[in-house]
Amino acid sequence: MARCTVAAGYEGWSEDDLRGLVPPALLVVGDTDFVRIEHAAQMHRLIPDARLAILPDCLHMDVMRRTELVLPIVEPFLAS
């Protein structure tokens, strides 16, 4: 229950937090995700050298199920 309470109070990362990320970042969202494409694009602009992938016909949970779309994106990212 304590973990749920902490998660419920999570307010997200600030723009300065996102600008300060150092490791490479790959943002993957579905085109019908609850994360709006505009929000993902804003995060992409703020995170230095980030990559953004928007998967077609995908809800939030579909991203993990659509390995035929995700693997060709993730594998080169991890290899770079």
N, C-alpha and C. Protein backbone atom coordinates (compact mmCIF):
# COMPACT_ATOMS: atom_id res chain seq x y z
N MET A 1 0.82 -1.18 0.00
CA MET A 1 0.00 0.00 0.00
C MET A 1 0.88 1.26 0.00
N ALA A 2 1.99 1.19 0.71
CA ALA A 2 2.87 2.35 0.76
C ALA A 2 3.41 2.69 -0.62
N ARG A 3 3.75 1.68 -1.42
CA ARG A 3 4.24 1.91 -2.78
C ARG A 3 3.16 2.57 -3.63
N CYS A 4 1.93 2.14 -3.50
CA CYS A 4 0.83 2.74 -4.27
C CYS A 4 0.66 4.20 -3.89
N THR A 5 0.78 4.50 -2.61
CA THR A 5 0.63 5.88 -2.15
C THR A 5 1.72 6.76 -2.74
N VAL A 6 2.94 6.26 -2.76
CA VAL A 6 4.04 7.02 -3.35
C VAL A 6 3.80 7.22 -4.83
N ALA A 7 3.41 6.18 -5.53
CA ALA A 7 3.16 6.28 -6.96
C ALA A 7 2.01 7.23 -7.25
N ALA A 8 0.99 7.22 -6.44
CA ALA A 8 -0.16 8.10 -6.65
C ALA A 8 0.24 9.56 -6.47
N GLY A 9 1.22 9.82 -5.63
CA GLY A 9 1.67 11.19 -5.40
C GLY A 9 2.74 11.66 -6.37
N TYR A 10 3.17 10.78 -7.26
CA TYR A 10 4.22 11.12 -8.22
C TYR A 10 3.73 12.20 -9.17
N GLU A 11 4.46 13.27 -9.28
CA GLU A 11 4.05 14.40 -10.11
C GLU A 11 4.80 14.47 -11.42
N GLY A 12 5.65 13.51 -11.69
CA GLY A 12 6.37 13.52 -12.96
C GLY A 12 7.71 14.23 -12.86
N TRP A 13 8.42 14.18 -13.97
CA TRP A 13 9.73 14.81 -14.03
C TRP A 13 9.56 16.25 -14.51
N SER A 14 10.34 17.14 -13.95
CA SER A 14 10.31 18.53 -14.40
C SER A 14 11.08 18.65 -15.71
N GLU A 15 10.89 19.77 -16.40
CA GLU A 15 11.65 20.00 -17.63
C GLU A 15 13.14 20.01 -17.35
N ASP A 16 13.55 20.57 -16.22
CA ASP A 16 14.98 20.58 -15.87
C ASP A 16 15.49 19.16 -15.61
N ASP A 17 14.66 18.32 -14.99
CA ASP A 17 15.04 16.91 -14.79
C ASP A 17 15.31 16.25 -16.13
N LEU A 18 14.41 16.46 -17.09
CA LEU A 18 14.56 15.83 -18.41
C LEU A 18 15.79 16.37 -19.13
N ARG A 19 16.01 17.67 -19.07
CA ARG A 19 17.19 18.26 -19.72
C ARG A 19 18.49 17.72 -19.12
N GLY A 20 18.45 17.31 -17.85
CA GLY A 20 19.64 16.85 -17.16
C GLY A 20 19.97 15.38 -17.35
N LEU A 21 19.14 14.66 -18.09
CA LEU A 21 19.42 13.24 -18.30
C LEU A 21 20.67 13.07 -19.15
N VAL A 22 21.56 12.21 -18.71
CA VAL A 22 22.82 12.00 -19.41
C VAL A 22 22.83 10.72 -20.24
N PRO A 23 22.34 9.60 -19.72
CA PRO A 23 22.39 8.38 -20.52
C PRO A 23 21.52 8.50 -21.76
N PRO A 24 21.82 7.74 -22.79
CA PRO A 24 20.94 7.74 -23.97
C PRO A 24 19.53 7.34 -23.57
N ALA A 25 18.56 7.95 -24.22
CA ALA A 25 17.15 7.67 -23.89
C ALA A 25 16.39 7.31 -25.16
N LEU A 26 15.57 6.29 -25.04
CA LEU A 26 14.67 5.88 -26.11
C LEU A 26 13.26 5.92 -25.55
N LEU A 27 12.44 6.79 -26.10
CA LEU A 27 11.05 6.90 -25.69
C LEU A 27 10.21 6.11 -26.69
N VAL A 28 9.43 5.17 -26.20
CA VAL A 28 8.58 4.35 -27.07
C VAL A 28 7.15 4.48 -26.56
N VAL A 29 6.28 4.96 -27.43
CA VAL A 29 4.86 5.10 -27.07
C VAL A 29 4.01 4.58 -28.22
N GLY A 30 2.79 4.21 -27.89
CA GLY A 30 1.84 3.81 -28.91
C GLY A 30 1.09 5.02 -29.42
N ASP A 31 0.61 4.94 -30.64
CA ASP A 31 -0.10 6.09 -31.21
C ASP A 31 -1.46 6.32 -30.57
N THR A 32 -1.97 5.31 -29.83
CA THR A 32 -3.20 5.49 -29.07
C THR A 32 -2.95 5.24 -27.58
N ASP A 33 -1.74 5.56 -27.16
CA ASP A 33 -1.29 5.43 -25.78
C ASP A 33 -1.99 6.48 -24.92
N PHE A 34 -2.02 6.27 -23.59
CA PHE A 34 -2.53 7.35 -22.74
C PHE A 34 -1.52 8.47 -22.63
N VAL A 35 -0.26 8.19 -22.97
CA VAL A 35 0.74 9.25 -23.10
C VAL A 35 0.50 9.88 -24.47
N ARG A 36 0.11 11.13 -24.47
CA ARG A 36 -0.19 11.80 -25.74
C ARG A 36 1.08 11.95 -26.56
N ILE A 37 0.95 11.85 -27.87
CA ILE A 37 2.09 12.01 -28.77
C ILE A 37 2.75 13.37 -28.56
N GLU A 38 1.95 14.40 -28.35
CA GLU A 38 2.49 15.74 -28.12
C GLU A 38 3.37 15.78 -26.87
N HIS A 39 2.97 15.05 -25.84
CA HIS A 39 3.75 14.99 -24.61
C HIS A 39 5.06 14.24 -24.83
N ALA A 40 4.99 13.13 -25.56
CA ALA A 40 6.20 12.37 -25.87
C ALA A 40 7.15 13.22 -26.71
N ALA A 41 6.61 13.98 -27.66
CA ALA A 41 7.45 14.85 -28.49
C ALA A 41 8.11 15.94 -27.65
N GLN A 42 7.38 16.47 -26.69
CA GLN A 42 7.97 17.49 -25.80
C GLN A 42 9.10 16.88 -24.98
N MET A 43 8.89 15.68 -24.44
CA MET A 43 9.96 15.02 -23.68
C MET A 43 11.16 14.77 -24.59
N HIS A 44 10.91 14.34 -25.83
CA HIS A 44 11.97 14.09 -26.80
C HIS A 44 12.81 15.35 -27.03
N ARG A 45 12.15 16.48 -27.14
CA ARG A 45 12.88 17.75 -27.35
C ARG A 45 13.72 18.13 -26.14
N LEU A 46 13.26 17.79 -24.94
CA LEU A 46 13.94 18.20 -23.72
C LEU A 46 15.12 17.30 -23.36
N ILE A 47 15.04 16.02 -23.67
CA ILE A 47 16.10 15.09 -23.30
C ILE A 47 17.19 15.14 -24.37
N PRO A 48 18.42 15.48 -23.97
CA PRO A 48 19.50 15.56 -24.95
C PRO A 48 19.71 14.24 -25.69
N ASP A 49 19.80 14.32 -27.00
CA ASP A 49 20.08 13.17 -27.86
C ASP A 49 19.10 12.01 -27.68
N ALA A 50 17.88 12.29 -27.29
CA ALA A 50 16.89 11.23 -27.12
C ALA A 50 16.37 10.78 -28.48
N ARG A 51 15.86 9.57 -28.51
CA ARG A 51 15.18 9.03 -29.69
C ARG A 51 13.73 8.78 -29.31
N LEU A 52 12.86 8.96 -30.29
CA LEU A 52 11.43 8.77 -30.06
C LEU A 52 10.87 7.82 -31.11
N ALA A 53 10.15 6.81 -30.65
CA ALA A 53 9.48 5.88 -31.54
C ALA A 53 8.00 5.86 -31.18
N ILE A 54 7.16 6.05 -32.19
CA ILE A 54 5.72 5.99 -32.00
C ILE A 54 5.22 4.78 -32.78
N LEU A 55 4.67 3.83 -32.07
CA LEU A 55 4.24 2.58 -32.69
C LEU A 55 2.79 2.68 -33.17
N PRO A 56 2.53 2.26 -34.40
CA PRO A 56 1.17 2.36 -34.95
C PRO A 56 0.22 1.34 -34.33
N ASP A 57 -1.03 1.75 -34.22
CA ASP A 57 -2.09 0.86 -33.73
C ASP A 57 -1.76 0.23 -32.39
N CYS A 58 -1.19 1.01 -31.48
CA CYS A 58 -0.79 0.48 -30.18
C CYS A 58 -1.34 1.32 -29.03
N LEU A 59 -1.95 0.62 -28.09
CA LEU A 59 -2.28 1.21 -26.81
C LEU A 59 -1.04 1.11 -25.91
N HIS A 60 -1.14 1.61 -24.70
CA HIS A 60 0.01 1.61 -23.80
C HIS A 60 0.54 0.19 -23.56
N MET A 61 -0.32 -0.74 -23.24
CA MET A 61 0.13 -2.11 -22.95
C MET A 61 0.51 -2.87 -24.21
N ASP A 62 0.02 -2.44 -25.36
CA ASP A 62 0.38 -3.11 -26.62
C ASP A 62 1.87 -2.96 -26.94
N VAL A 63 2.47 -1.90 -26.46
CA VAL A 63 3.90 -1.67 -26.75
C VAL A 63 4.72 -2.88 -26.33
N MET A 64 4.40 -3.47 -25.19
CA MET A 64 5.16 -4.62 -24.71
C MET A 64 4.81 -5.91 -25.46
N ARG A 65 3.65 -5.92 -26.08
CA ARG A 65 3.20 -7.13 -26.80
C ARG A 65 3.62 -7.14 -28.26
N ARG A 66 3.99 -6.01 -28.79
CA ARG A 66 4.29 -5.89 -30.22
C ARG A 66 5.79 -5.99 -30.47
N THR A 67 6.37 -7.11 -30.12
CA THR A 67 7.82 -7.29 -30.25
C THR A 67 8.29 -7.14 -31.68
N GLU A 68 7.44 -7.47 -32.67
CA GLU A 68 7.85 -7.33 -34.07
C GLU A 68 8.09 -5.87 -34.44
N LEU A 69 7.50 -4.94 -33.69
CA LEU A 69 7.74 -3.52 -33.90
C LEU A 69 8.84 -2.98 -33.00
N VAL A 70 8.87 -3.47 -31.77
CA VAL A 70 9.79 -2.93 -30.77
C VAL A 70 11.23 -3.39 -30.97
N LEU A 71 11.44 -4.67 -31.24
CA LEU A 71 12.82 -5.19 -31.35
C LEU A 71 13.65 -4.49 -32.42
N PRO A 72 13.12 -4.21 -33.62
CA PRO A 72 13.94 -3.51 -34.61
C PRO A 72 14.32 -2.08 -34.21
N ILE A 73 13.62 -1.55 -33.22
CA ILE A 73 13.94 -0.21 -32.72
C ILE A 73 14.91 -0.30 -31.55
N VAL A 74 14.66 -1.22 -30.64
CA VAL A 74 15.44 -1.33 -29.42
C VAL A 74 16.84 -1.91 -29.68
N GLU A 75 16.93 -2.93 -30.50
CA GLU A 75 18.23 -3.57 -30.72
C GLU A 75 19.29 -2.60 -31.25
N PRO A 76 19.02 -1.80 -32.30
CA PRO A 76 20.04 -0.85 -32.75
C PRO A 76 20.34 0.23 -31.72
N PHE A 77 19.30 0.62 -30.96
CA PHE A 77 19.52 1.61 -29.91
C PHE A 77 20.51 1.09 -28.86
N LEU A 78 20.31 -0.15 -28.44
CA LEU A 78 21.21 -0.74 -27.44
C LEU A 78 22.60 -0.99 -28.00
N ALA A 79 22.70 -1.21 -29.28
CA ALA A 79 24.00 -1.48 -29.90
C ALA A 79 24.80 -0.20 -30.14
N SER A 80 24.13 0.94 -30.12
CA SER A 80 24.85 2.20 -30.43
C SER A 80 25.56 2.77 -29.23
